[in-house]
Amino acid sequence: MVDTTDFDVEFNVEVPSLNPELQDEVVARLLELREGHTDMIGAAVGVEKVADATTPYGYKGRIVVYMRSKNIAAVEKGDTAEAALMEAMDAVERQVHKRREKLSERWKQP
């Protein structure tokens, strides 16, 4: 398990078959994203099964990153819980990088 003493990650997994190593990977990627920055203060991760007769996908992955100024959230759907969670993680990483890039280029802001 990854040490998260100063960075809280809350999991709400409604899929009992989700690999615990995948949860460790998500925490590791969040900590890597946080490395060298002080803007991220925690995260919430959720995976739920949403399959029924009207949905073409079976699972929904959700990650909310608690950041100073504004939180970032990503919700992705997939055929498997793992795919939905990893797609949500990819989306969060893109959003965090984009926000940091935008904040670093203050001279472009009006």
N, C-alpha and C. Protein backbone atom coordinates (compact mmCIF):
# COMPACT_ATOMS: atom_id res chain seq x y z
N MET A 1 0.85 -1.18 0.00
CA MET A 1 0.00 0.00 0.00
C MET A 1 0.89 1.24 0.00
N VAL A 2 0.46 2.25 -0.71
CA VAL A 2 1.22 3.48 -0.84
C VAL A 2 0.96 4.38 0.36
N ASP A 3 2.01 5.07 0.85
CA ASP A 3 1.87 5.96 1.99
C ASP A 3 1.17 7.25 1.57
N THR A 4 0.04 7.55 2.19
CA THR A 4 -0.74 8.74 1.86
C THR A 4 -1.02 9.55 3.12
N THR A 5 -0.04 9.67 4.00
CA THR A 5 -0.27 10.29 5.29
C THR A 5 -0.72 11.74 5.20
N ASP A 6 -0.26 12.49 4.21
CA ASP A 6 -0.66 13.88 4.10
C ASP A 6 -1.53 14.14 2.86
N PHE A 7 -2.07 13.09 2.29
CA PHE A 7 -2.93 13.19 1.11
C PHE A 7 -4.01 12.12 1.25
N ASP A 8 -5.23 12.54 1.56
CA ASP A 8 -6.31 11.59 1.80
C ASP A 8 -6.97 11.17 0.49
N VAL A 9 -7.12 9.88 0.31
CA VAL A 9 -7.83 9.33 -0.84
C VAL A 9 -8.94 8.45 -0.29
N GLU A 10 -10.16 8.81 -0.60
CA GLU A 10 -11.33 8.06 -0.13
C GLU A 10 -11.87 7.20 -1.27
N PHE A 11 -12.06 5.93 -1.01
CA PHE A 11 -12.59 5.01 -2.02
C PHE A 11 -14.02 4.62 -1.68
N ASN A 12 -14.86 4.61 -2.70
CA ASN A 12 -16.23 4.12 -2.60
C ASN A 12 -16.43 3.15 -3.77
N VAL A 13 -16.09 1.90 -3.53
CA VAL A 13 -16.11 0.90 -4.59
C VAL A 13 -17.29 -0.03 -4.36
N GLU A 14 -18.22 -0.02 -5.29
CA GLU A 14 -19.40 -0.87 -5.20
C GLU A 14 -19.26 -2.13 -6.04
N VAL A 15 -18.02 -2.40 -6.47
CA VAL A 15 -17.74 -3.56 -7.31
C VAL A 15 -16.79 -4.46 -6.53
N PRO A 16 -17.30 -5.55 -5.95
CA PRO A 16 -16.44 -6.39 -5.10
C PRO A 16 -15.29 -7.05 -5.85
N SER A 17 -15.42 -7.21 -7.15
CA SER A 17 -14.38 -7.90 -7.92
C SER A 17 -13.25 -6.98 -8.37
N LEU A 18 -13.28 -5.70 -7.97
CA LEU A 18 -12.23 -4.77 -8.39
C LEU A 18 -10.91 -5.13 -7.73
N ASN A 19 -9.87 -5.23 -8.53
CA ASN A 19 -8.55 -5.62 -8.07
C ASN A 19 -7.99 -4.57 -7.12
N PRO A 20 -7.59 -4.95 -5.90
CA PRO A 20 -7.01 -3.99 -4.95
C PRO A 20 -5.73 -3.33 -5.48
N GLU A 21 -4.99 -4.04 -6.33
CA GLU A 21 -3.78 -3.47 -6.92
C GLU A 21 -4.12 -2.28 -7.81
N LEU A 22 -5.31 -2.30 -8.41
CA LEU A 22 -5.75 -1.19 -9.24
C LEU A 22 -5.98 0.05 -8.37
N GLN A 23 -6.52 -0.14 -7.18
CA GLN A 23 -6.69 0.98 -6.26
C GLN A 23 -5.33 1.56 -5.87
N ASP A 24 -4.36 0.69 -5.63
CA ASP A 24 -3.00 1.15 -5.31
C ASP A 24 -2.41 1.94 -6.48
N GLU A 25 -2.68 1.49 -7.70
CA GLU A 25 -2.18 2.19 -8.88
C GLU A 25 -2.79 3.59 -9.00
N VAL A 26 -4.08 3.70 -8.72
CA VAL A 26 -4.74 5.01 -8.77
C VAL A 26 -4.13 5.94 -7.73
N VAL A 27 -3.91 5.45 -6.52
CA VAL A 27 -3.31 6.27 -5.46
C VAL A 27 -1.90 6.69 -5.88
N ALA A 28 -1.13 5.76 -6.44
CA ALA A 28 0.23 6.08 -6.86
C ALA A 28 0.23 7.15 -7.95
N ARG A 29 -0.69 7.04 -8.91
CA ARG A 29 -0.77 8.04 -9.98
C ARG A 29 -1.20 9.39 -9.43
N LEU A 30 -2.10 9.41 -8.46
CA LEU A 30 -2.51 10.68 -7.84
C LEU A 30 -1.34 11.31 -7.09
N LEU A 31 -0.58 10.50 -6.36
CA LEU A 31 0.57 11.02 -5.63
C LEU A 31 1.65 11.53 -6.59
N GLU A 32 1.82 10.84 -7.70
CA GLU A 32 2.78 11.29 -8.71
C GLU A 32 2.33 12.63 -9.30
N LEU A 33 1.04 12.78 -9.51
CA LEU A 33 0.48 14.02 -10.04
C LEU A 33 0.67 15.16 -9.04
N ARG A 34 0.65 14.84 -7.78
CA ARG A 34 0.78 15.83 -6.71
C ARG A 34 2.23 16.22 -6.45
N GLU A 35 3.15 15.34 -6.80
CA GLU A 35 4.56 15.53 -6.48
C GLU A 35 5.08 16.90 -6.96
N GLY A 36 5.67 17.65 -6.04
CA GLY A 36 6.24 18.94 -6.37
C GLY A 36 5.23 20.08 -6.39
N HIS A 37 3.99 19.80 -6.04
CA HIS A 37 2.93 20.81 -6.04
C HIS A 37 2.23 20.81 -4.68
N THR A 38 1.61 21.92 -4.36
CA THR A 38 0.88 22.02 -3.10
C THR A 38 -0.61 22.27 -3.33
N ASP A 39 -1.05 22.19 -4.57
CA ASP A 39 -2.44 22.53 -4.88
C ASP A 39 -3.42 21.39 -4.62
N MET A 40 -2.97 20.14 -4.63
CA MET A 40 -3.85 18.99 -4.41
C MET A 40 -3.86 18.62 -2.93
N ILE A 41 -5.07 18.49 -2.36
CA ILE A 41 -5.15 18.19 -0.93
C ILE A 41 -5.85 16.86 -0.63
N GLY A 42 -6.43 16.21 -1.64
CA GLY A 42 -7.10 14.94 -1.42
C GLY A 42 -7.86 14.52 -2.65
N ALA A 43 -8.49 13.35 -2.56
CA ALA A 43 -9.24 12.83 -3.69
C ALA A 43 -10.30 11.85 -3.21
N ALA A 44 -11.33 11.70 -4.03
CA ALA A 44 -12.36 10.70 -3.80
C ALA A 44 -12.49 9.87 -5.07
N VAL A 45 -12.51 8.57 -4.91
CA VAL A 45 -12.56 7.66 -6.05
C VAL A 45 -13.76 6.74 -5.88
N GLY A 46 -14.53 6.58 -6.93
CA GLY A 46 -15.69 5.71 -6.86
C GLY A 46 -15.86 4.88 -8.12
N VAL A 47 -16.33 3.67 -7.94
CA VAL A 47 -16.66 2.78 -9.07
C VAL A 47 -17.99 2.14 -8.75
N GLU A 48 -18.90 2.19 -9.71
CA GLU A 48 -20.20 1.57 -9.48
C GLU A 48 -20.68 0.86 -10.74
N LYS A 49 -21.49 -0.13 -10.53
CA LYS A 49 -22.09 -0.87 -11.63
C LYS A 49 -23.41 -0.18 -11.99
N VAL A 50 -23.58 0.14 -13.26
CA VAL A 50 -24.78 0.85 -13.70
C VAL A 50 -25.51 0.13 -14.82
N ALA A 51 -25.12 -1.07 -15.11
CA ALA A 51 -25.69 -1.80 -16.23
C ALA A 51 -27.16 -2.14 -15.99
N ASP A 52 -27.93 -1.89 -17.00
CA ASP A 52 -29.32 -2.35 -17.05
C ASP A 52 -29.68 -2.48 -18.53
N ALA A 53 -30.91 -2.69 -18.83
CA ALA A 53 -31.33 -2.94 -20.20
C ALA A 53 -31.16 -1.73 -21.12
N THR A 54 -31.07 -0.52 -20.55
CA THR A 54 -31.01 0.68 -21.38
C THR A 54 -29.62 1.29 -21.52
N THR A 55 -28.62 0.76 -20.82
CA THR A 55 -27.29 1.34 -20.91
C THR A 55 -26.35 0.45 -21.70
N PRO A 56 -25.57 1.03 -22.60
CA PRO A 56 -24.64 0.24 -23.40
C PRO A 56 -23.33 -0.07 -22.68
N TYR A 57 -23.13 0.46 -21.49
CA TYR A 57 -21.92 0.25 -20.72
C TYR A 57 -22.31 -0.35 -19.36
N GLY A 58 -21.35 -0.92 -18.68
CA GLY A 58 -21.68 -1.60 -17.44
C GLY A 58 -21.23 -0.93 -16.17
N TYR A 59 -20.21 -0.06 -16.26
CA TYR A 59 -19.62 0.50 -15.05
C TYR A 59 -19.34 1.99 -15.23
N LYS A 60 -19.32 2.69 -14.10
CA LYS A 60 -18.99 4.11 -14.10
C LYS A 60 -17.89 4.35 -13.07
N GLY A 61 -16.81 4.98 -13.54
CA GLY A 61 -15.71 5.35 -12.65
C GLY A 61 -15.73 6.85 -12.43
N ARG A 62 -15.49 7.26 -11.19
CA ARG A 62 -15.55 8.69 -10.86
C ARG A 62 -14.36 9.02 -9.96
N ILE A 63 -13.65 10.10 -10.32
CA ILE A 63 -12.55 10.58 -9.49
C ILE A 63 -12.72 12.08 -9.32
N VAL A 64 -12.70 12.52 -8.08
CA VAL A 64 -12.74 13.94 -7.76
C VAL A 64 -11.44 14.27 -7.05
N VAL A 65 -10.71 15.24 -7.59
CA VAL A 65 -9.47 15.70 -6.97
C VAL A 65 -9.75 17.02 -6.30
N TYR A 66 -9.48 17.07 -5.00
CA TYR A 66 -9.69 18.30 -4.24
C TYR A 66 -8.46 19.17 -4.41
N MET A 67 -8.66 20.30 -5.10
CA MET A 67 -7.56 21.22 -5.39
C MET A 67 -7.92 22.59 -4.85
N ARG A 68 -6.90 23.34 -4.56
CA ARG A 68 -7.13 24.71 -4.14
C ARG A 68 -7.68 25.50 -5.32
N SER A 69 -8.57 26.32 -5.08
CA SER A 69 -9.35 27.19 -5.97
C SER A 69 -10.55 26.46 -6.54
N LYS A 70 -10.37 25.36 -7.24
CA LYS A 70 -11.52 24.61 -7.78
C LYS A 70 -11.17 23.13 -7.83
N ASN A 71 -12.14 22.31 -7.47
CA ASN A 71 -11.94 20.86 -7.56
C ASN A 71 -12.07 20.41 -9.00
N ILE A 72 -11.49 19.25 -9.29
CA ILE A 72 -11.56 18.67 -10.62
C ILE A 72 -12.26 17.32 -10.50
N ALA A 73 -13.19 17.06 -11.42
CA ALA A 73 -13.92 15.79 -11.39
C ALA A 73 -13.94 15.18 -12.79
N ALA A 74 -13.88 13.87 -12.82
CA ALA A 74 -14.00 13.13 -14.08
C ALA A 74 -14.88 11.92 -13.84
N VAL A 75 -15.82 11.72 -14.74
CA VAL A 75 -16.69 10.54 -14.70
C VAL A 75 -16.60 9.88 -16.06
N GLU A 76 -16.22 8.63 -16.08
CA GLU A 76 -16.10 7.88 -17.33
C GLU A 76 -16.84 6.56 -17.21
N LYS A 77 -17.33 6.09 -18.34
CA LYS A 77 -18.08 4.84 -18.38
C LYS A 77 -17.30 3.81 -19.19
N GLY A 78 -17.47 2.54 -18.84
CA GLY A 78 -16.77 1.50 -19.55
C GLY A 78 -17.44 0.15 -19.40
N ASP A 79 -16.97 -0.79 -20.19
CA ASP A 79 -17.51 -2.15 -20.16
C ASP A 79 -17.06 -2.90 -18.91
N THR A 80 -15.90 -2.52 -18.38
CA THR A 80 -15.40 -3.14 -17.15
C THR A 80 -15.14 -2.05 -16.11
N ALA A 81 -15.12 -2.44 -14.86
CA ALA A 81 -14.85 -1.48 -13.78
C ALA A 81 -13.44 -0.92 -13.93
N GLU A 82 -12.50 -1.77 -14.30
CA GLU A 82 -11.12 -1.34 -14.45
C GLU A 82 -10.98 -0.31 -15.55
N ALA A 83 -11.63 -0.54 -16.69
CA ALA A 83 -11.57 0.39 -17.81
C ALA A 83 -12.18 1.74 -17.44
N ALA A 84 -13.32 1.72 -16.78
CA ALA A 84 -13.98 2.97 -16.39
C ALA A 84 -13.11 3.76 -15.42
N LEU A 85 -12.49 3.08 -14.45
CA LEU A 85 -11.66 3.76 -13.47
C LEU A 85 -10.40 4.33 -14.11
N MET A 86 -9.76 3.58 -14.99
CA MET A 86 -8.52 4.06 -15.61
C MET A 86 -8.81 5.21 -16.58
N GLU A 87 -9.94 5.17 -17.27
CA GLU A 87 -10.31 6.28 -18.15
C GLU A 87 -10.58 7.54 -17.33
N ALA A 88 -11.20 7.39 -16.17
CA ALA A 88 -11.44 8.53 -15.29
C ALA A 88 -10.10 9.08 -14.78
N MET A 89 -9.17 8.21 -14.47
CA MET A 89 -7.84 8.66 -14.01
C MET A 89 -7.12 9.42 -15.10
N ASP A 90 -7.18 8.91 -16.34
CA ASP A 90 -6.57 9.61 -17.47
C ASP A 90 -7.18 11.00 -17.65
N ALA A 91 -8.49 11.09 -17.52
CA ALA A 91 -9.19 12.37 -17.68
C ALA A 91 -8.79 13.36 -16.59
N VAL A 92 -8.67 12.88 -15.35
CA VAL A 92 -8.26 13.75 -14.25
C VAL A 92 -6.85 14.27 -14.49
N GLU A 93 -5.95 13.39 -14.91
CA GLU A 93 -4.58 13.82 -15.18
C GLU A 93 -4.54 14.90 -16.26
N ARG A 94 -5.30 14.72 -17.32
CA ARG A 94 -5.35 15.73 -18.38
C ARG A 94 -5.85 17.07 -17.84
N GLN A 95 -6.91 17.02 -17.03
CA GLN A 95 -7.49 18.25 -16.49
C GLN A 95 -6.53 18.97 -15.54
N VAL A 96 -5.85 18.22 -14.70
CA VAL A 96 -4.91 18.83 -13.75
C VAL A 96 -3.76 19.48 -14.52
N HIS A 97 -3.20 18.78 -15.51
CA HIS A 97 -2.11 19.35 -16.30
C HIS A 97 -2.56 20.60 -17.03
N LYS A 98 -3.77 20.57 -17.58
CA LYS A 98 -4.29 21.72 -18.31
C LYS A 98 -4.47 22.92 -17.36
N ARG A 99 -5.01 22.68 -16.17
CA ARG A 99 -5.20 23.78 -15.21
C ARG A 99 -3.86 24.36 -14.79
N ARG A 100 -2.91 23.51 -14.50
CA ARG A 100 -1.59 24.00 -14.07
C ARG A 100 -0.91 24.79 -15.19
N GLU A 101 -1.06 24.32 -16.41
CA GLU A 101 -0.49 25.05 -17.55
C GLU A 101 -1.14 26.42 -17.69
N LYS A 102 -2.45 26.45 -17.55
CA LYS A 102 -3.18 27.72 -17.66
C LYS A 102 -2.76 28.68 -16.55
N LEU A 103 -2.60 28.17 -15.32
CA LEU A 103 -2.21 29.02 -14.21
C LEU A 103 -0.77 29.51 -14.34
N SER A 104 0.07 28.73 -14.98
CA SER A 104 1.47 29.14 -15.15
C SER A 104 1.62 30.20 -16.23
N GLU A 105 0.63 30.35 -17.08
CA GLU A 105 0.68 31.35 -18.15
C GLU A 105 -0.26 32.50 -17.84
N ARG A 106 -0.05 33.11 -16.71
CA ARG A 106 -0.92 34.22 -16.27
C ARG A 106 -0.83 35.42 -17.21
N TRP A 107 0.28 35.56 -17.91
CA TRP A 107 0.42 36.70 -18.82
C TRP A 107 -0.55 36.62 -19.98
N LYS A 108 -1.10 35.45 -20.27
CA LYS A 108 -2.08 35.31 -21.35
C LYS A 108 -3.49 35.67 -20.90
N GLN A 109 -3.69 35.73 -19.58
CA GLN A 109 -5.03 36.02 -19.06
C GLN A 109 -5.29 37.51 -19.14
N PRO A 110 -6.55 37.90 -19.41
CA PRO A 110 -6.87 39.31 -19.53
C PRO A 110 -6.75 40.07 -18.23
